[in-house]
Each structure stands twice: as C-alpha cells, then as structure tokens.
Amino acid sequence: MPLSLTDHRLAPVMAAAGPLDPDKRIVLMERIVASLKRQGLHRPTDAEIECALRESMRGLVQGAA
C-alpha cells in the first residue's frame, strides 16, 4: 500500500528538505518513507511524521563550526 500524506502533513517534510543538497533530499525522503513503512504507517499522524523526520535528518545536516 502506498504512503498517503495530506498537504498539511507533507509541509514539514518539504520545509526540512528545502535547504538540503538535492542528493541529501532524496536520502531524506527515502529514510522517511522507510521509517513510516517499517512501522506499518500508511496514513501517519503529525506526531508520527515529526518523529520519522527527526530520525531521518540525523547525519544529513552539519552543525555550525
């Protein structure tokens, strides 16, 4: 079954992906989908998306030096 997100639920994902390098955006999206599908979530809540997004962002953004 495909993953289904409303525009409202997709917005934080797109906002997080925006500043990333295009190659990292792909990785981010793949990680989010994998995380949600691993949990069997095809229509995730806001909280479930936020959790998957935080988990998926690890290692993609370098902190300021």
PDB file of N, CA and C in Angstrom:
ATOM      1  N   MET A   1       0.843  -1.180   0.000  1.00  0.00           N
ATOM      2  CA  MET A   1       0.000   0.000   0.000  1.00  0.00           C
ATOM      3  C   MET A   1       0.896   1.254   0.000  1.00  0.00           C
ATOM      4  N   PRO A   2       0.584   2.237  -0.820  1.00  0.00           N
ATOM      5  CA  PRO A   2       1.398   3.454  -0.883  1.00  0.00           C
ATOM      6  C   PRO A   2       1.221   4.318   0.365  1.00  0.00           C
ATOM      7  N   LEU A   3       2.196   5.146   0.592  1.00  0.00           N
ATOM      8  CA  LEU A   3       2.167   6.100   1.694  1.00  0.00           C
ATOM      9  C   LEU A   3       1.289   7.271   1.270  1.00  0.00           C
ATOM     10  N   SER A   4       0.406   7.719   2.151  1.00  0.00           N
ATOM     11  CA  SER A   4      -0.512   8.803   1.829  1.00  0.00           C
ATOM     12  C   SER A   4      -0.338   9.945   2.821  1.00  0.00           C
ATOM     13  N   LEU A   5       0.040  11.135   2.324  1.00  0.00           N
ATOM     14  CA  LEU A   5       0.199  12.315   3.172  1.00  0.00           C
ATOM     15  C   LEU A   5      -0.640  13.458   2.619  1.00  0.00           C
ATOM     16  N   THR A   6      -1.308  14.171   3.499  1.00  0.00           N
ATOM     17  CA  THR A   6      -2.019  15.375   3.090  1.00  0.00           C
ATOM     18  C   THR A   6      -0.993  16.490   2.866  1.00  0.00           C
ATOM     19  N   ASP A   7      -1.400  17.564   2.227  1.00  0.00           N
ATOM     20  CA  ASP A   7      -0.509  18.713   2.040  1.00  0.00           C
ATOM     21  C   ASP A   7      -0.027  19.231   3.398  1.00  0.00           C
ATOM     22  N   HIS A   8      -0.929  19.256   4.374  1.00  0.00           N
ATOM     23  CA  HIS A   8      -0.588  19.721   5.724  1.00  0.00           C
ATOM     24  C   HIS A   8       0.516  18.859   6.331  1.00  0.00           C
ATOM     25  N   ARG A   9       0.438  17.563   6.154  1.00  0.00           N
ATOM     26  CA  ARG A   9       1.420  16.657   6.738  1.00  0.00           C
ATOM     27  C   ARG A   9       2.713  16.604   5.929  1.00  0.00           C
ATOM     28  N   LEU A  10       2.640  16.924   4.666  1.00  0.00           N
ATOM     29  CA  LEU A  10       3.832  16.942   3.823  1.00  0.00           C
ATOM     30  C   LEU A  10       4.646  18.227   4.018  1.00  0.00           C
ATOM     31  N   ALA A  11       3.999  19.300   4.443  1.00  0.00           N
ATOM     32  CA  ALA A  11       4.659  20.608   4.579  1.00  0.00           C
ATOM     33  C   ALA A  11       5.930  20.582   5.431  1.00  0.00           C
ATOM     34  N   PRO A  12       5.943  19.967   6.634  1.00  0.00           N
ATOM     35  CA  PRO A  12       7.190  19.983   7.419  1.00  0.00           C
ATOM     36  C   PRO A  12       8.304  19.178   6.760  1.00  0.00           C
ATOM     37  N   VAL A  13       7.944  18.151   6.040  1.00  0.00           N
ATOM     38  CA  VAL A  13       8.942  17.348   5.326  1.00  0.00           C
ATOM     39  C   VAL A  13       9.584  18.197   4.235  1.00  0.00           C
ATOM     40  N   MET A  14       8.771  18.904   3.473  1.00  0.00           N
ATOM     41  CA  MET A  14       9.288  19.750   2.402  1.00  0.00           C
ATOM     42  C   MET A  14      10.122  20.899   2.961  1.00  0.00           C
ATOM     43  N   ALA A  15       9.693  21.461   4.087  1.00  0.00           N
ATOM     44  CA  ALA A  15      10.450  22.553   4.711  1.00  0.00           C
ATOM     45  C   ALA A  15      11.828  22.063   5.165  1.00  0.00           C
ATOM     46  N   ALA A  16      11.884  20.867   5.720  1.00  0.00           N
ATOM     47  CA  ALA A  16      13.164  20.306   6.168  1.00  0.00           C
ATOM     48  C   ALA A  16      14.057  19.955   4.986  1.00  0.00           C
ATOM     49  N   ALA A  17      13.466  19.511   3.893  1.00  0.00           N
ATOM     50  CA  ALA A  17      14.235  19.095   2.718  1.00  0.00           C
ATOM     51  C   ALA A  17      14.770  20.289   1.930  1.00  0.00           C
ATOM     52  N   GLY A  18      14.077  21.410   1.969  1.00  0.00           N
ATOM     53  CA  GLY A  18      14.434  22.577   1.166  1.00  0.00           C
ATOM     54  C   GLY A  18      15.887  23.005   1.224  1.00  0.00           C
ATOM     55  N   PRO A  19      16.466  23.186   2.404  1.00  0.00           N
ATOM     56  CA  PRO A  19      17.846  23.660   2.486  1.00  0.00           C
ATOM     57  C   PRO A  19      18.908  22.594   2.193  1.00  0.00           C
ATOM     58  N   LEU A  20      18.495  21.350   2.092  1.00  0.00           N
ATOM     59  CA  LEU A  20      19.463  20.270   1.860  1.00  0.00           C
ATOM     60  C   LEU A  20      19.944  20.229   0.416  1.00  0.00           C
ATOM     61  N   ASP A  21      21.134  19.706   0.230  1.00  0.00           N
ATOM     62  CA  ASP A  21      21.649  19.404  -1.090  1.00  0.00           C
ATOM     63  C   ASP A  21      20.669  18.442  -1.767  1.00  0.00           C
ATOM     64  N   PRO A  22      20.431  18.570  -3.083  1.00  0.00           N
ATOM     65  CA  PRO A  22      19.466  17.689  -3.755  1.00  0.00           C
ATOM     66  C   PRO A  22      19.700  16.195  -3.518  1.00  0.00           C
ATOM     67  N   ASP A  23      20.939  15.751  -3.469  1.00  0.00           N
ATOM     68  CA  ASP A  23      21.204  14.336  -3.213  1.00  0.00           C
ATOM     69  C   ASP A  23      20.753  13.938  -1.808  1.00  0.00           C
ATOM     70  N   LYS A  24      20.917  14.845  -0.861  1.00  0.00           N
ATOM     71  CA  LYS A  24      20.500  14.556   0.509  1.00  0.00           C
ATOM     72  C   LYS A  24      18.981  14.590   0.647  1.00  0.00           C
ATOM     73  N   ARG A  25      18.303  15.370  -0.186  1.00  0.00           N
ATOM     74  CA  ARG A  25      16.836  15.390  -0.160  1.00  0.00           C
ATOM     75  C   ARG A  25      16.282  14.012  -0.497  1.00  0.00           C
ATOM     76  N   ILE A  26      16.889  13.388  -1.477  1.00  0.00           N
ATOM     77  CA  ILE A  26      16.457  12.052  -1.879  1.00  0.00           C
ATOM     78  C   ILE A  26      16.652  11.079  -0.720  1.00  0.00           C
ATOM     79  N   VAL A  27      17.806  11.162  -0.083  1.00  0.00           N
ATOM     80  CA  VAL A  27      18.090  10.287   1.060  1.00  0.00           C
ATOM     81  C   VAL A  27      17.069  10.535   2.164  1.00  0.00           C
ATOM     82  N   LEU A  28      16.774  11.808   2.447  1.00  0.00           N
ATOM     83  CA  LEU A  28      15.808  12.150   3.485  1.00  0.00           C
ATOM     84  C   LEU A  28      14.449  11.529   3.185  1.00  0.00           C
ATOM     85  N   MET A  29      13.971  11.709   1.966  1.00  0.00           N
ATOM     86  CA  MET A  29      12.655  11.173   1.597  1.00  0.00           C
ATOM     87  C   MET A  29      12.635   9.650   1.696  1.00  0.00           C
ATOM     88  N   GLU A  30      13.694   9.012   1.239  1.00  0.00           N
ATOM     89  CA  GLU A  30      13.757   7.547   1.312  1.00  0.00           C
ATOM     90  C   GLU A  30      13.746   7.076   2.761  1.00  0.00           C
ATOM     91  N   ARG A  31      14.473   7.782   3.620  1.00  0.00           N
ATOM     92  CA  ARG A  31      14.520   7.414   5.038  1.00  0.00           C
ATOM     93  C   ARG A  31      13.154   7.578   5.699  1.00  0.00           C
ATOM     94  N   ILE A  32      12.480   8.671   5.398  1.00  0.00           N
ATOM     95  CA  ILE A  32      11.160   8.917   5.987  1.00  0.00           C
ATOM     96  C   ILE A  32      10.179   7.831   5.571  1.00  0.00           C
ATOM     97  N   VAL A  33      10.141   7.540   4.290  1.00  0.00           N
ATOM     98  CA  VAL A  33       9.231   6.507   3.794  1.00  0.00           C
ATOM     99  C   VAL A  33       9.556   5.159   4.435  1.00  0.00           C
ATOM    100  N   ALA A  34      10.832   4.818   4.493  1.00  0.00           N
ATOM    101  CA  ALA A  34      11.232   3.542   5.086  1.00  0.00           C
ATOM    102  C   ALA A  34      10.827   3.480   6.559  1.00  0.00           C
ATOM    103  N   SER A  35      11.028   4.557   7.290  1.00  0.00           N
ATOM    104  CA  SER A  35      10.678   4.598   8.708  1.00  0.00           C
ATOM    105  C   SER A  35       9.185   4.395   8.913  1.00  0.00           C
ATOM    106  N   LEU A  36       8.384   5.106   8.142  1.00  0.00           N
ATOM    107  CA  LEU A  36       6.932   5.005   8.292  1.00  0.00           C
ATOM    108  C   LEU A  36       6.427   3.623   7.871  1.00  0.00           C
ATOM    109  N   LYS A  37       6.970   3.100   6.790  1.00  0.00           N
ATOM    110  CA  LYS A  37       6.540   1.780   6.321  1.00  0.00           C
ATOM    111  C   LYS A  37       6.967   0.680   7.280  1.00  0.00           C
ATOM    112  N   ARG A  38       8.155   0.817   7.874  1.00  0.00           N
ATOM    113  CA  ARG A  38       8.633  -0.156   8.867  1.00  0.00           C
ATOM    114  C   ARG A  38       7.645  -0.275  10.022  1.00  0.00           C
ATOM    115  N   GLN A  39       7.029   0.846  10.344  1.00  0.00           N
ATOM    116  CA  GLN A  39       6.066   0.881  11.445  1.00  0.00           C
ATOM    117  C   GLN A  39       4.651   0.528  10.974  1.00  0.00           C
ATOM    118  N   GLY A  40       4.509   0.281   9.678  1.00  0.00           N
ATOM    119  CA  GLY A  40       3.194  -0.053   9.133  1.00  0.00           C
ATOM    120  C   GLY A  40       2.265   1.144   9.040  1.00  0.00           C
ATOM    121  N   LEU A  41       2.841   2.339   8.944  1.00  0.00           N
ATOM    122  CA  LEU A  41       2.053   3.575   8.912  1.00  0.00           C
ATOM    123  C   LEU A  41       1.867   4.054   7.475  1.00  0.00           C
ATOM    124  N   HIS A  42       0.674   3.875   6.949  1.00  0.00           N
ATOM    125  CA  HIS A  42       0.401   4.328   5.585  1.00  0.00           C
ATOM    126  C   HIS A  42      -0.344   5.665   5.581  1.00  0.00           C
ATOM    127  N   ARG A  43      -0.948   6.016   6.717  1.00  0.00           N
ATOM    128  CA  ARG A  43      -1.608   7.313   6.881  1.00  0.00           C
ATOM    129  C   ARG A  43      -1.184   7.868   8.243  1.00  0.00           C
ATOM    130  N   PRO A  44       0.091   8.291   8.344  1.00  0.00           N
ATOM    131  CA  PRO A  44       0.644   8.708   9.644  1.00  0.00           C
ATOM    132  C   PRO A  44       0.054  10.012  10.161  1.00  0.00           C
ATOM    133  N   THR A  45       0.111  10.153  11.478  1.00  0.00           N
ATOM    134  CA  THR A  45      -0.320  11.388  12.147  1.00  0.00           C
ATOM    135  C   THR A  45       0.801  12.426  12.068  1.00  0.00           C
ATOM    136  N   ASP A  46       0.494  13.642  12.482  1.00  0.00           N
ATOM    137  CA  ASP A  46       1.514  14.697  12.535  1.00  0.00           C
ATOM    138  C   ASP A  46       2.681  14.262  13.422  1.00  0.00           C
ATOM    139  N   ALA A  47       2.366  13.708  14.588  1.00  0.00           N
ATOM    140  CA  ALA A  47       3.413  13.294  15.528  1.00  0.00           C
ATOM    141  C   ALA A  47       4.288  12.188  14.940  1.00  0.00           C
ATOM    142  N   GLU A  48       3.693  11.247  14.239  1.00  0.00           N
ATOM    143  CA  GLU A  48       4.451  10.152  13.638  1.00  0.00           C
ATOM    144  C   GLU A  48       5.363  10.659  12.521  1.00  0.00           C
ATOM    145  N   ILE A  49       4.895  11.642  11.775  1.00  0.00           N
ATOM    146  CA  ILE A  49       5.723  12.239  10.719  1.00  0.00           C
ATOM    147  C   ILE A  49       6.877  13.015  11.341  1.00  0.00           C
ATOM    148  N   GLU A  50       6.599  13.791  12.385  1.00  0.00           N
ATOM    149  CA  GLU A  50       7.654  14.550  13.055  1.00  0.00           C
ATOM    150  C   GLU A  50       8.739  13.616  13.596  1.00  0.00           C
ATOM    151  N   CYS A  51       8.329  12.514  14.191  1.00  0.00           N
ATOM    152  CA  CYS A  51       9.282  11.548  14.738  1.00  0.00           C
ATOM    153  C   CYS A  51      10.134  10.944  13.611  1.00  0.00           C
ATOM    154  N   ALA A  52       9.499  10.530  12.523  1.00  0.00           N
ATOM    155  CA  ALA A  52      10.224   9.963  11.377  1.00  0.00           C
ATOM    156  C   ALA A  52      11.152  11.009  10.765  1.00  0.00           C
ATOM    157  N   LEU A  53      10.717  12.258  10.719  1.00  0.00           N
ATOM    158  CA  LEU A  53      11.526  13.337  10.157  1.00  0.00           C
ATOM    159  C   LEU A  53      12.767  13.580  11.012  1.00  0.00           C
ATOM    160  N   ARG A  54      12.592  13.676  12.329  1.00  0.00           N
ATOM    161  CA  ARG A  54      13.752  13.872  13.222  1.00  0.00           C
ATOM    162  C   ARG A  54      14.746  12.732  13.072  1.00  0.00           C
ATOM    163  N   GLU A  55      14.245  11.517  13.079  1.00  0.00           N
ATOM    164  CA  GLU A  55      15.101  10.336  12.941  1.00  0.00           C
ATOM    165  C   GLU A  55      15.821  10.359  11.596  1.00  0.00           C
ATOM    166  N   SER A  56      15.123  10.742  10.553  1.00  0.00           N
ATOM    167  CA  SER A  56      15.676  10.718   9.197  1.00  0.00           C
ATOM    168  C   SER A  56      16.692  11.817   8.924  1.00  0.00           C
ATOM    169  N   MET A  57      16.607  12.922   9.671  1.00  0.00           N
ATOM    170  CA  MET A  57      17.513  14.053   9.471  1.00  0.00           C
ATOM    171  C   MET A  57      18.904  13.796  10.056  1.00  0.00           C
ATOM    172  N   ARG A  58      19.020  12.825  10.961  1.00  0.00           N
ATOM    173  CA  ARG A  58      20.309  12.561  11.600  1.00  0.00           C
ATOM    174  C   ARG A  58      21.395  12.308  10.563  1.00  0.00           C
ATOM    175  N   GLY A  59      22.479  13.053  10.680  1.00  0.00           N
ATOM    176  CA  GLY A  59      23.609  12.875   9.800  1.00  0.00           C
ATOM    177  C   GLY A  59      23.519  13.620   8.470  1.00  0.00           C
ATOM    178  N   LEU A  60      22.368  14.235   8.189  1.00  0.00           N
ATOM    179  CA  LEU A  60      22.224  14.947   6.918  1.00  0.00           C
ATOM    180  C   LEU A  60      22.563  16.421   7.024  1.00  0.00           C
ATOM    181  N   VAL A  61      22.503  16.973   8.232  1.00  0.00           N
ATOM    182  CA  VAL A  61      22.764  18.394   8.435  1.00  0.00           C
ATOM    183  C   VAL A  61      23.958  18.536   9.362  1.00  0.00           C
ATOM    184  N   GLN A  62      24.947  19.285   8.914  1.00  0.00           N
ATOM    185  CA  GLN A  62      26.130  19.544   9.730  1.00  0.00           C
ATOM    186  C   GLN A  62      25.872  20.773  10.587  1.00  0.00           C
ATOM    187  N   GLY A  63      26.223  20.687  11.861  1.00  0.00           N
ATOM    188  CA  GLY A  63      26.083  21.830  12.762  1.00  0.00           C
ATOM    189  C   GLY A  63      27.095  22.915  12.433  1.00  0.00           C
ATOM    190  N   ALA A  64      26.858  24.112  12.886  1.00  0.00           N
ATOM    191  CA  ALA A  64      27.783  25.231  12.664  1.00  0.00           C
ATOM    192  C   ALA A  64      29.083  24.974  13.446  1.00  0.00           C
ATOM    193  N   ALA A  65      30.196  25.310  12.852  1.00  0.00           N
ATOM    194  CA  ALA A  65      31.503  25.078  13.499  1.00  0.00           C
ATOM    195  C   ALA A  65      31.839  26.169  14.474  1.00  0.00           C
TER     196      ALA A  65
END
